[in-house]
N, C-alpha and C. Protein backbone atom coordinates (compact mmCIF):
# COMPACT_ATOMS: atom_id res chain seq x y z
N UNK A 1 53.92 67.15 -147.02
CA UNK A 1 54.65 66.25 -148.29
C UNK A 1 53.86 66.84 -149.57
N UNK A 2 54.90 66.66 -150.31
CA UNK A 2 54.31 67.18 -151.92
C UNK A 2 53.80 66.03 -152.55
N UNK A 3 52.86 66.13 -153.41
CA UNK A 3 52.54 65.04 -154.32
C UNK A 3 53.08 64.76 -155.54
N UNK A 4 54.04 65.95 -155.79
CA UNK A 4 54.39 66.11 -157.38
C UNK A 4 55.81 67.02 -157.12
N UNK A 5 56.78 66.56 -157.88
CA UNK A 5 58.05 67.17 -157.85
C UNK A 5 58.24 68.22 -158.71
N UNK A 6 59.16 69.28 -158.44
CA UNK A 6 59.34 70.55 -159.20
C UNK A 6 59.85 70.08 -160.57
N UNK A 7 60.70 68.90 -160.69
CA UNK A 7 61.34 68.55 -161.85
C UNK A 7 60.04 67.93 -162.63
N UNK A 8 59.33 67.01 -162.15
CA UNK A 8 58.18 66.64 -162.99
C UNK A 8 57.33 67.76 -163.68
N UNK A 9 57.15 68.91 -162.78
CA UNK A 9 56.49 69.90 -163.57
C UNK A 9 57.19 70.52 -164.57
N UNK A 10 58.39 70.92 -164.28
CA UNK A 10 59.31 71.37 -165.34
C UNK A 10 59.34 70.67 -166.60
N UNK A 11 59.52 69.42 -166.46
CA UNK A 11 59.24 68.39 -167.73
C UNK A 11 58.21 68.50 -168.53
N UNK A 12 57.04 68.92 -167.80
CA UNK A 12 55.71 69.27 -168.61
C UNK A 12 55.46 70.59 -169.07
N UNK A 13 56.24 71.41 -168.83
CA UNK A 13 55.98 72.93 -169.13
C UNK A 13 57.01 73.20 -170.25
N UNK A 14 56.43 73.83 -171.23
CA UNK A 14 57.29 74.60 -172.34
C UNK A 14 57.88 75.72 -172.14
N UNK A 15 57.31 76.57 -171.14
CA UNK A 15 57.80 77.78 -170.81
C UNK A 15 58.34 77.86 -169.28
N UNK A 16 58.87 76.68 -168.97
CA UNK A 16 59.39 76.78 -167.45
C UNK A 16 60.74 77.32 -167.18
N UNK A 17 60.68 78.06 -166.17
CA UNK A 17 61.74 78.77 -165.62
C UNK A 17 63.04 77.88 -165.41
N UNK A 18 64.22 78.32 -165.62
CA UNK A 18 65.48 77.66 -165.12
C UNK A 18 65.38 77.37 -163.71
N UNK A 19 64.95 78.40 -162.92
CA UNK A 19 65.10 78.41 -161.61
C UNK A 19 63.74 77.78 -161.01
N UNK A 20 64.21 76.63 -160.15
CA UNK A 20 62.94 75.83 -159.71
C UNK A 20 62.18 76.51 -158.67
N UNK A 21 62.96 77.53 -157.75
CA UNK A 21 62.32 78.04 -157.02
C UNK A 21 61.02 78.95 -157.18
N UNK A 22 60.99 79.13 -158.72
CA UNK A 22 59.85 80.03 -159.07
C UNK A 22 58.63 78.95 -159.38
N UNK A 23 58.78 77.71 -159.40
CA UNK A 23 57.55 76.77 -159.54
C UNK A 23 57.19 76.24 -158.19
N UNK A 24 58.26 76.26 -157.31
CA UNK A 24 57.79 75.40 -155.95
C UNK A 24 56.58 75.93 -155.30
N UNK A 25 56.38 77.24 -155.23
CA UNK A 25 55.12 77.61 -154.66
C UNK A 25 53.85 77.22 -155.15
N UNK A 26 54.02 77.04 -156.34
CA UNK A 26 52.67 76.30 -157.15
C UNK A 26 52.58 74.80 -157.02
N UNK A 27 53.68 74.23 -156.72
CA UNK A 27 53.74 72.65 -156.50
C UNK A 27 53.15 72.64 -155.00
N UNK A 28 53.63 73.40 -154.10
CA UNK A 28 52.97 73.49 -152.68
C UNK A 28 51.63 73.79 -152.57
N UNK A 29 51.26 74.71 -153.27
CA UNK A 29 49.75 75.01 -153.35
C UNK A 29 48.96 73.90 -153.84
N UNK A 30 49.31 73.38 -154.95
CA UNK A 30 48.66 72.38 -155.62
C UNK A 30 48.46 71.11 -154.64
N UNK A 31 49.56 70.77 -154.08
CA UNK A 31 49.46 69.62 -153.08
C UNK A 31 48.66 69.97 -151.77
N UNK A 32 48.66 71.28 -151.34
CA UNK A 32 47.62 71.68 -150.34
C UNK A 32 46.19 71.44 -150.67
N UNK A 33 45.94 71.81 -151.87
CA UNK A 33 44.60 71.90 -152.51
C UNK A 33 44.19 70.42 -152.39
N UNK A 34 45.07 69.52 -153.25
CA UNK A 34 44.75 68.05 -153.26
C UNK A 34 44.45 67.29 -151.69
N UNK A 35 45.45 67.64 -150.99
CA UNK A 35 45.18 67.09 -149.78
C UNK A 35 44.27 67.66 -148.85
N UNK A 36 43.58 68.80 -149.20
CA UNK A 36 42.49 69.37 -148.70
C UNK A 36 41.12 68.70 -148.99
N UNK A 37 41.21 68.56 -150.37
CA UNK A 37 40.01 67.74 -150.88
C UNK A 37 40.02 66.35 -150.42
N UNK A 38 41.13 65.64 -150.07
CA UNK A 38 41.36 64.25 -149.77
C UNK A 38 40.82 64.09 -148.20
N UNK A 39 41.27 65.31 -147.49
CA UNK A 39 40.76 65.12 -146.06
C UNK A 39 39.35 65.41 -146.00
N UNK A 40 38.77 66.09 -146.78
CA UNK A 40 37.29 66.35 -146.80
C UNK A 40 36.56 65.11 -147.18
N UNK A 41 37.03 64.39 -148.21
CA UNK A 41 36.46 63.30 -148.98
C UNK A 41 36.38 62.04 -147.80
N UNK A 42 37.43 62.02 -147.15
CA UNK A 42 37.64 60.78 -146.17
C UNK A 42 37.02 61.19 -144.59
N UNK A 43 36.84 62.51 -144.61
CA UNK A 43 36.46 63.25 -143.20
C UNK A 43 37.44 62.83 -142.13
N UNK A 44 38.69 62.84 -142.56
CA UNK A 44 39.80 62.69 -141.74
C UNK A 44 40.71 63.94 -141.85
N UNK A 45 40.69 64.81 -140.65
CA UNK A 45 41.35 66.10 -140.81
C UNK A 45 42.93 65.74 -140.67
N UNK A 46 43.46 64.64 -140.19
CA UNK A 46 44.73 64.32 -139.81
C UNK A 46 45.28 63.54 -141.21
N UNK A 47 44.53 63.31 -142.19
CA UNK A 47 44.99 62.36 -143.40
C UNK A 47 46.27 62.81 -143.96
N UNK A 48 46.98 61.80 -144.17
CA UNK A 48 48.55 62.03 -145.00
C UNK A 48 48.95 60.70 -145.45
N UNK A 49 49.19 60.68 -146.64
CA UNK A 49 49.96 59.56 -147.10
C UNK A 49 51.43 59.42 -146.31
N UNK A 50 51.80 58.12 -146.14
CA UNK A 50 53.01 57.75 -145.58
C UNK A 50 53.58 57.05 -146.40
N UNK A 51 54.91 57.49 -146.91
CA UNK A 51 55.69 56.69 -147.87
C UNK A 51 56.44 55.61 -147.06
N UNK A 52 56.55 54.39 -147.41
CA UNK A 52 57.19 53.39 -146.85
C UNK A 52 56.46 52.82 -145.80
N UNK A 53 55.50 52.59 -145.53
CA UNK A 53 54.76 52.18 -144.27
C UNK A 53 55.20 50.78 -143.78
N UNK A 54 55.11 50.63 -142.65
CA UNK A 54 55.56 49.35 -142.00
C UNK A 54 54.38 48.71 -141.32
N UNK A 55 54.56 47.31 -141.19
CA UNK A 55 53.55 46.42 -140.30
C UNK A 55 53.62 46.86 -138.87
N UNK A 56 52.43 47.13 -138.33
CA UNK A 56 52.36 47.21 -136.98
C UNK A 56 51.00 46.75 -136.43
N UNK A 57 50.92 46.41 -135.03
CA UNK A 57 49.70 45.96 -134.52
C UNK A 57 48.75 47.24 -134.11
N UNK A 58 47.43 46.90 -134.00
CA UNK A 58 46.52 48.04 -133.44
C UNK A 58 45.67 46.99 -132.79
N UNK A 59 45.10 47.37 -131.71
CA UNK A 59 43.81 46.89 -130.80
C UNK A 59 42.58 47.56 -131.41
N UNK A 60 41.61 46.64 -131.71
CA UNK A 60 40.35 47.15 -132.15
C UNK A 60 39.19 46.41 -131.26
N UNK A 61 38.32 47.31 -130.65
CA UNK A 61 37.13 46.59 -130.02
C UNK A 61 36.06 45.95 -130.97
N UNK A 62 35.60 44.95 -130.68
CA UNK A 62 34.48 44.20 -131.36
C UNK A 62 33.20 44.75 -131.23
N UNK A 63 32.32 44.66 -132.11
CA UNK A 63 31.06 44.84 -131.89
C UNK A 63 30.26 43.75 -132.45
N UNK A 64 28.82 43.50 -132.04
CA UNK A 64 28.08 42.32 -132.34
C UNK A 64 27.41 42.64 -133.70
N UNK A 65 28.39 42.74 -134.70
CA UNK A 65 27.92 42.90 -136.16
C UNK A 65 28.70 41.72 -137.01
N UNK A 66 28.39 41.64 -138.32
CA UNK A 66 28.96 40.67 -139.13
C UNK A 66 30.17 41.23 -139.62
N UNK A 67 30.28 42.48 -139.71
CA UNK A 67 31.56 43.21 -140.29
C UNK A 67 32.24 44.13 -139.09
N UNK A 68 33.44 44.17 -139.23
CA UNK A 68 34.34 45.17 -138.29
C UNK A 68 35.12 46.12 -139.24
N UNK A 69 34.66 47.33 -138.84
CA UNK A 69 35.23 48.51 -139.72
C UNK A 69 36.58 48.84 -138.97
N UNK A 70 37.53 48.83 -139.80
CA UNK A 70 38.96 49.33 -139.42
C UNK A 70 39.28 50.62 -139.81
N UNK A 71 40.28 51.11 -138.86
CA UNK A 71 40.93 52.47 -139.52
C UNK A 71 41.68 52.25 -140.78
N UNK A 72 42.09 53.25 -141.68
CA UNK A 72 42.77 53.18 -142.81
C UNK A 72 43.96 52.26 -142.54
N UNK A 73 44.10 51.34 -143.59
CA UNK A 73 45.23 50.55 -143.69
C UNK A 73 45.25 50.23 -145.25
N UNK A 74 46.50 49.48 -145.68
CA UNK A 74 46.58 48.96 -146.79
C UNK A 74 45.68 47.76 -147.10
N UNK A 75 44.89 47.79 -148.02
CA UNK A 75 43.83 46.65 -147.98
C UNK A 75 44.92 45.37 -148.36
N UNK A 76 44.50 44.22 -147.84
CA UNK A 76 45.43 42.93 -148.25
C UNK A 76 46.51 42.91 -147.19
N UNK A 77 46.82 43.68 -146.32
CA UNK A 77 48.09 43.75 -145.77
C UNK A 77 47.85 43.02 -144.39
N UNK A 78 46.59 42.79 -144.00
CA UNK A 78 46.38 42.14 -142.76
C UNK A 78 47.09 40.65 -142.77
N UNK A 79 47.86 40.45 -141.85
CA UNK A 79 48.78 39.05 -141.70
C UNK A 79 48.19 38.39 -140.51
N UNK A 80 47.50 38.97 -139.55
CA UNK A 80 47.35 38.22 -138.34
C UNK A 80 46.13 39.04 -137.36
N UNK A 81 45.20 38.28 -137.17
CA UNK A 81 44.21 38.53 -136.19
C UNK A 81 44.18 37.96 -134.98
N UNK A 82 44.28 38.59 -133.68
CA UNK A 82 44.29 37.67 -132.47
C UNK A 82 43.23 38.18 -131.45
N UNK A 83 42.63 37.45 -130.99
CA UNK A 83 41.52 37.81 -129.90
C UNK A 83 41.98 37.83 -128.57
N UNK A 84 41.71 38.46 -127.67
CA UNK A 84 42.04 38.51 -126.18
C UNK A 84 41.08 37.60 -125.50
N UNK A 85 41.54 36.34 -125.20
CA UNK A 85 40.74 35.44 -124.42
C UNK A 85 41.34 34.77 -123.25
N UNK A 86 40.66 35.08 -121.92
CA UNK A 86 41.26 34.54 -120.77
C UNK A 86 42.63 35.27 -120.36
N UNK A 87 42.79 36.38 -120.83
CA UNK A 87 44.05 37.19 -120.33
C UNK A 87 45.18 36.93 -121.28
N UNK A 88 44.99 36.11 -122.31
CA UNK A 88 46.02 35.81 -123.52
C UNK A 88 45.33 36.05 -125.01
N UNK A 89 46.51 36.37 -125.84
CA UNK A 89 46.02 36.76 -126.96
C UNK A 89 46.18 35.49 -127.94
N UNK A 90 45.00 34.86 -128.56
CA UNK A 90 44.98 33.94 -129.26
C UNK A 90 44.68 34.12 -130.83
N UNK A 91 45.59 33.57 -131.69
CA UNK A 91 45.31 33.87 -132.97
C UNK A 91 44.09 33.36 -133.62
N UNK A 92 43.42 33.90 -134.53
CA UNK A 92 42.23 33.38 -135.13
C UNK A 92 42.82 32.82 -136.51
N UNK A 93 42.14 31.59 -136.87
CA UNK A 93 42.40 31.00 -137.89
C UNK A 93 42.17 32.09 -139.22
N UNK A 94 42.99 31.94 -140.29
CA UNK A 94 42.59 32.80 -141.21
C UNK A 94 41.51 32.30 -141.84
N UNK A 95 40.73 31.26 -141.96
CA UNK A 95 39.50 31.10 -142.30
C UNK A 95 38.48 31.66 -141.68
N UNK A 96 38.74 32.26 -140.13
CA UNK A 96 37.72 32.70 -139.44
C UNK A 96 37.47 34.10 -139.97
N UNK A 97 38.05 34.74 -140.87
CA UNK A 97 37.77 36.07 -141.18
C UNK A 97 38.05 36.43 -142.66
N UNK A 98 37.47 37.32 -143.27
CA UNK A 98 37.68 37.76 -144.77
C UNK A 98 37.67 39.26 -144.76
N UNK A 99 38.51 39.63 -145.47
CA UNK A 99 38.75 41.13 -145.83
C UNK A 99 38.19 41.17 -147.04
N UNK A 100 37.11 42.31 -147.23
CA UNK A 100 36.70 42.59 -148.65
C UNK A 100 37.41 43.80 -149.37
N UNK A 101 37.17 43.93 -150.36
CA UNK A 101 37.95 45.11 -151.19
C UNK A 101 37.89 46.42 -150.68
N UNK A 102 36.93 46.78 -149.77
CA UNK A 102 37.05 48.02 -148.91
C UNK A 102 37.65 48.05 -147.68
N UNK A 103 38.23 46.72 -147.31
CA UNK A 103 39.13 46.75 -146.10
C UNK A 103 38.31 46.34 -144.80
N UNK A 104 37.10 46.08 -144.94
CA UNK A 104 36.24 45.76 -143.86
C UNK A 104 36.39 44.29 -143.71
N UNK A 105 36.38 43.92 -142.35
CA UNK A 105 36.59 42.30 -142.01
C UNK A 105 35.25 41.71 -141.80
N UNK A 106 34.97 40.63 -142.31
CA UNK A 106 33.72 39.92 -142.10
C UNK A 106 34.05 38.42 -141.24
N UNK A 107 33.12 38.32 -140.37
CA UNK A 107 33.26 37.05 -139.60
C UNK A 107 32.68 35.97 -140.46
N UNK A 108 33.66 34.82 -140.64
CA UNK A 108 33.59 33.95 -141.58
C UNK A 108 33.19 32.56 -141.41
N UNK A 109 33.80 32.12 -140.12
CA UNK A 109 33.64 30.51 -139.74
C UNK A 109 33.56 30.33 -138.42
N UNK A 110 34.11 28.98 -138.20
CA UNK A 110 33.91 28.56 -136.84
C UNK A 110 35.11 29.07 -135.85
N UNK A 111 34.66 29.57 -134.78
CA UNK A 111 35.92 29.89 -133.75
C UNK A 111 35.44 29.01 -132.59
N UNK A 112 36.41 28.50 -132.06
CA UNK A 112 36.49 27.81 -130.81
C UNK A 112 35.16 26.70 -130.88
N UNK A 113 34.84 26.11 -131.77
CA UNK A 113 33.66 25.08 -131.74
C UNK A 113 32.39 25.66 -131.92
N UNK A 114 32.13 27.09 -132.31
CA UNK A 114 30.92 27.57 -132.62
C UNK A 114 30.92 28.37 -133.78
N UNK A 115 29.70 28.55 -134.59
CA UNK A 115 29.77 29.35 -135.71
C UNK A 115 29.53 30.74 -135.42
N UNK A 116 30.39 31.35 -136.18
CA UNK A 116 30.28 33.05 -135.68
C UNK A 116 29.52 33.72 -137.06
N UNK A 117 28.57 34.47 -136.60
CA UNK A 117 28.12 35.12 -137.49
C UNK A 117 28.18 36.88 -137.45
N UNK A 118 29.11 36.98 -136.12
CA UNK A 118 29.51 38.48 -135.76
C UNK A 118 30.63 38.34 -135.05
N UNK A 119 31.23 39.39 -134.78
CA UNK A 119 32.33 39.77 -133.87
C UNK A 119 31.70 39.78 -132.60
N UNK A 120 32.67 39.46 -131.69
CA UNK A 120 32.29 39.39 -130.11
C UNK A 120 32.14 40.71 -129.73
N UNK A 121 31.07 41.16 -129.04
CA UNK A 121 30.77 42.69 -128.53
C UNK A 121 31.81 42.70 -127.33
N UNK A 122 32.48 44.00 -127.49
CA UNK A 122 33.39 44.40 -126.60
C UNK A 122 34.77 43.56 -126.53
N UNK A 123 34.83 42.53 -127.31
CA UNK A 123 36.17 41.74 -127.27
C UNK A 123 37.16 42.58 -127.84
N UNK A 124 38.30 42.41 -127.43
CA UNK A 124 39.72 43.11 -128.19
C UNK A 124 40.26 42.09 -129.26
N UNK A 125 40.39 42.76 -130.20
CA UNK A 125 41.24 42.20 -131.28
C UNK A 125 42.36 42.84 -131.64
N UNK A 126 43.59 42.19 -131.58
CA UNK A 126 45.10 42.76 -132.07
C UNK A 126 45.12 42.39 -133.63
N UNK A 127 45.12 43.26 -134.50
CA UNK A 127 45.26 43.31 -135.74
C UNK A 127 46.56 43.60 -136.27
N UNK A 128 47.33 43.00 -136.80
CA UNK A 128 48.84 43.25 -137.48
C UNK A 128 48.35 43.51 -138.99
N UNK A 129 48.85 44.86 -139.39
CA UNK A 129 48.70 45.07 -140.90
C UNK A 129 49.67 46.50 -141.21
N UNK A 130 49.46 46.90 -142.24
CA UNK A 130 50.17 48.05 -142.48
C UNK A 130 49.09 49.38 -142.46
N UNK A 131 49.20 50.06 -141.25
CA UNK A 131 48.31 51.00 -140.99
C UNK A 131 48.59 52.43 -141.82
N UNK A 132 47.54 52.94 -141.96
CA UNK A 132 47.69 54.30 -142.84
C UNK A 132 47.29 54.10 -144.17
N UNK A 133 47.67 55.22 -144.94
CA UNK A 133 47.23 55.34 -146.26
C UNK A 133 48.26 54.92 -147.56
N UNK A 134 49.42 54.48 -146.88
CA UNK A 134 50.53 54.21 -147.71
C UNK A 134 51.14 55.25 -148.68
N UNK A 135 51.69 54.90 -149.62
CA UNK A 135 52.38 55.72 -150.68
C UNK A 135 51.30 56.50 -151.53
N UNK A 136 51.87 57.59 -152.22
CA UNK A 136 50.84 58.59 -152.97
C UNK A 136 50.52 57.78 -154.24
N UNK A 137 49.15 57.45 -154.53
CA UNK A 137 48.84 56.71 -155.46
C UNK A 137 49.25 57.69 -156.96
N UNK A 138 49.46 56.94 -157.95
CA UNK A 138 49.74 57.72 -159.18
C UNK A 138 48.63 58.53 -159.76
N UNK A 139 47.36 58.33 -159.55
CA UNK A 139 46.33 59.10 -159.78
C UNK A 139 46.37 60.54 -159.04
N UNK A 140 46.51 60.27 -157.82
CA UNK A 140 46.69 61.55 -156.93
C UNK A 140 47.92 62.39 -157.58
N UNK A 141 49.08 61.65 -157.68
CA UNK A 141 50.02 62.52 -158.43
C UNK A 141 49.87 63.14 -159.51
N UNK A 142 49.05 62.55 -160.53
CA UNK A 142 48.68 63.07 -161.79
C UNK A 142 47.64 64.29 -161.65
N UNK A 143 46.80 64.34 -160.53
CA UNK A 143 45.85 65.36 -160.28
C UNK A 143 46.69 66.56 -159.89
N UNK A 144 47.62 66.21 -158.94
CA UNK A 144 48.44 67.39 -158.44
C UNK A 144 49.44 68.26 -159.61
N UNK A 145 49.83 67.32 -160.40
CA UNK A 145 50.60 67.86 -161.70
C UNK A 145 49.76 68.65 -162.37
N UNK A 146 48.50 68.19 -162.83
CA UNK A 146 47.70 69.01 -163.61
C UNK A 146 47.20 70.24 -162.89
N UNK A 147 47.01 70.22 -161.71
CA UNK A 147 46.63 71.45 -160.86
C UNK A 147 47.92 72.33 -160.85
N UNK A 148 49.19 71.88 -160.57
CA UNK A 148 50.28 72.76 -160.44
C UNK A 148 50.74 73.40 -161.78
N UNK A 149 50.37 72.76 -162.98
CA UNK A 149 50.39 73.41 -164.38
C UNK A 149 49.45 74.34 -164.54
N UNK A 150 48.00 74.19 -164.16
CA UNK A 150 46.97 75.13 -164.16
C UNK A 150 47.40 76.52 -163.51
N UNK A 151 47.73 76.13 -162.27
CA UNK A 151 48.12 77.23 -161.48
C UNK A 151 49.29 78.02 -161.93
N UNK A 152 50.21 77.50 -162.43
CA UNK A 152 51.56 78.11 -162.97
C UNK A 152 51.06 79.01 -164.16
N UNK A 153 50.39 78.50 -165.03
CA UNK A 153 49.99 79.15 -166.36
C UNK A 153 48.94 80.23 -166.05
N UNK A 154 48.16 80.20 -165.02
CA UNK A 154 47.28 81.17 -164.72
C UNK A 154 47.90 82.21 -163.70
N UNK A 155 49.04 82.32 -163.54
CA UNK A 155 49.74 83.11 -162.37
C UNK A 155 49.57 84.51 -162.69
N UNK A 156 49.59 84.92 -163.99
CA UNK A 156 49.51 86.21 -164.21
C UNK A 156 47.98 86.73 -164.31
N UNK A 157 47.06 86.00 -164.14
CA UNK A 157 45.66 86.50 -164.44
C UNK A 157 44.81 86.13 -163.11
N UNK A 158 45.69 85.92 -161.98
CA UNK A 158 44.64 85.66 -160.70
C UNK A 158 44.02 84.54 -160.58
N UNK A 159 44.34 83.46 -161.58
CA UNK A 159 43.73 82.20 -161.53
C UNK A 159 42.39 82.06 -162.37
N UNK A 160 42.50 82.97 -163.34
CA UNK A 160 41.35 83.12 -164.54
C UNK A 160 42.08 82.87 -165.73
N UNK A 161 41.37 82.32 -166.82
CA UNK A 161 41.61 82.31 -168.30
C UNK A 161 40.83 82.79 -168.91
N UNK A 162 41.08 83.85 -169.78
CA UNK A 162 39.91 84.40 -170.70
C UNK A 162 40.11 83.50 -172.21
N UNK A 163 38.85 83.41 -172.81
CA UNK A 163 38.92 82.92 -174.10
C UNK A 163 37.98 83.75 -174.80
N UNK A 164 38.29 84.17 -176.13
CA UNK A 164 37.43 84.83 -176.90
C UNK A 164 37.32 84.03 -178.26
N UNK A 165 36.14 83.80 -178.45
CA UNK A 165 35.85 82.91 -179.76
C UNK A 165 35.84 83.81 -181.03
N UNK A 166 35.61 83.19 -182.36
CA UNK A 166 35.88 83.67 -183.44
C UNK A 166 34.70 85.17 -183.72
N UNK A 167 33.57 84.92 -183.06
CA UNK A 167 32.46 85.84 -183.14
C UNK A 167 32.55 86.98 -182.27
N UNK A 168 33.50 86.82 -181.40
CA UNK A 168 33.78 87.94 -180.27
C UNK A 168 33.07 87.49 -178.91
N UNK A 169 32.54 86.19 -178.86
CA UNK A 169 32.14 85.95 -177.64
C UNK A 169 33.10 85.48 -176.77
N UNK A 170 32.98 85.80 -175.40
CA UNK A 170 34.01 85.34 -174.69
C UNK A 170 33.54 84.78 -173.28
N UNK A 171 34.59 83.95 -172.62
CA UNK A 171 34.23 83.43 -171.40
C UNK A 171 35.41 83.69 -170.55
N UNK A 172 35.07 83.60 -169.22
CA UNK A 172 36.49 83.44 -168.13
C UNK A 172 36.16 82.38 -167.43
N UNK A 173 37.20 81.49 -167.20
CA UNK A 173 37.22 80.21 -166.46
C UNK A 173 38.08 80.45 -165.34
N UNK A 174 37.80 79.85 -164.13
CA UNK A 174 38.57 79.83 -163.06
C UNK A 174 39.39 78.40 -162.98
N UNK A 175 40.72 78.57 -163.00
CA UNK A 175 41.40 77.32 -162.96
C UNK A 175 42.12 77.14 -161.63
N UNK A 176 41.80 77.81 -160.49
CA UNK A 176 42.49 78.09 -159.32
C UNK A 176 42.25 76.91 -158.30
N UNK A 177 41.33 75.98 -158.83
CA UNK A 177 41.22 74.76 -157.99
C UNK A 177 40.90 73.47 -158.76
N UNK A 178 40.35 72.29 -158.06
CA UNK A 178 40.12 71.22 -158.81
C UNK A 178 38.90 71.14 -159.75
N UNK A 179 39.13 70.80 -160.88
CA UNK A 179 37.97 70.59 -161.71
C UNK A 179 37.15 69.38 -161.29
N UNK A 180 35.90 69.03 -161.81
CA UNK A 180 34.90 67.98 -161.57
C UNK A 180 35.64 66.64 -161.89
N UNK A 181 36.42 66.60 -163.06
CA UNK A 181 36.84 65.15 -163.29
C UNK A 181 38.02 65.19 -162.33
N UNK A 182 38.94 66.00 -161.76
CA UNK A 182 39.80 65.57 -161.11
C UNK A 182 39.21 65.40 -159.61
N UNK A 183 38.11 65.97 -159.21
CA UNK A 183 37.69 65.60 -157.86
C UNK A 183 36.95 64.10 -158.01
N UNK A 184 36.58 63.76 -159.21
CA UNK A 184 35.71 62.58 -159.43
C UNK A 184 37.06 61.28 -159.44
N UNK A 185 38.36 61.67 -159.83
CA UNK A 185 39.50 60.76 -159.64
C UNK A 185 39.95 60.71 -158.35
N UNK A 186 39.76 61.71 -157.38
CA UNK A 186 40.21 61.78 -156.06
C UNK A 186 39.11 60.90 -155.32
N UNK A 187 37.80 61.05 -155.75
CA UNK A 187 37.05 60.13 -155.17
C UNK A 187 36.86 58.72 -155.29
N UNK A 188 37.32 58.40 -156.46
CA UNK A 188 37.60 56.97 -156.94
C UNK A 188 38.97 56.43 -156.15
N UNK A 189 39.85 57.27 -155.86
CA UNK A 189 40.99 56.68 -155.08
C UNK A 189 40.65 56.48 -153.63
N UNK A 190 39.97 57.39 -152.95
CA UNK A 190 39.62 57.11 -151.62
C UNK A 190 38.44 56.26 -151.47
N UNK A 191 37.80 55.99 -152.42
CA UNK A 191 36.64 55.08 -152.15
C UNK A 191 36.99 53.57 -151.48
N UNK A 192 38.03 53.01 -151.60
CA UNK A 192 38.32 51.79 -150.69
C UNK A 192 38.27 52.11 -149.16
N UNK A 193 38.72 53.39 -148.91
CA UNK A 193 38.90 53.73 -147.55
C UNK A 193 37.82 54.35 -146.70
N UNK A 194 36.58 54.55 -147.57
CA UNK A 194 35.57 54.99 -146.90
C UNK A 194 34.57 53.71 -146.38
N UNK A 195 34.10 53.91 -145.46
CA UNK A 195 33.14 52.83 -144.77
C UNK A 195 31.72 53.00 -145.02
């Protein structure tokens, strides 16, 4: 999956070639670099954004903790939590749980007549939500666009750019990867999915 289109790159470049096939390798490379960085940040080697995700159910095993950590899902998309009791799925009242801004579930209320301060150990919970990472966030697309342009502009120098100052001092800068600012942007994007 590409995080930016060739047309978006062509619109940003003054010296863009008319043939989109000349830009496409840079778009693919930039998307691969950004995807690799996101996979490293999330420690998820199979990470991928899924356009137009759908609501599905997953079964999660409870632990005797006040919070229940879930796999990646669209935060705020949980519509139903059911607990397996006596061989049947019983829906939990919405007041019995709370999802925080990081997507973790907190035991919140009275369940079956007792006060719950934790999830039941080894109990099965069936959770209906939009699972996965959802669509590509605009910040990720912007980072991929910036990186594509940098890769394209430094194509004839092997990923290096030389600058010579007024007094003859110079420097060589590598632009073939993510800058610290771009990496910080990606870190802020994945922060809600980190446990």
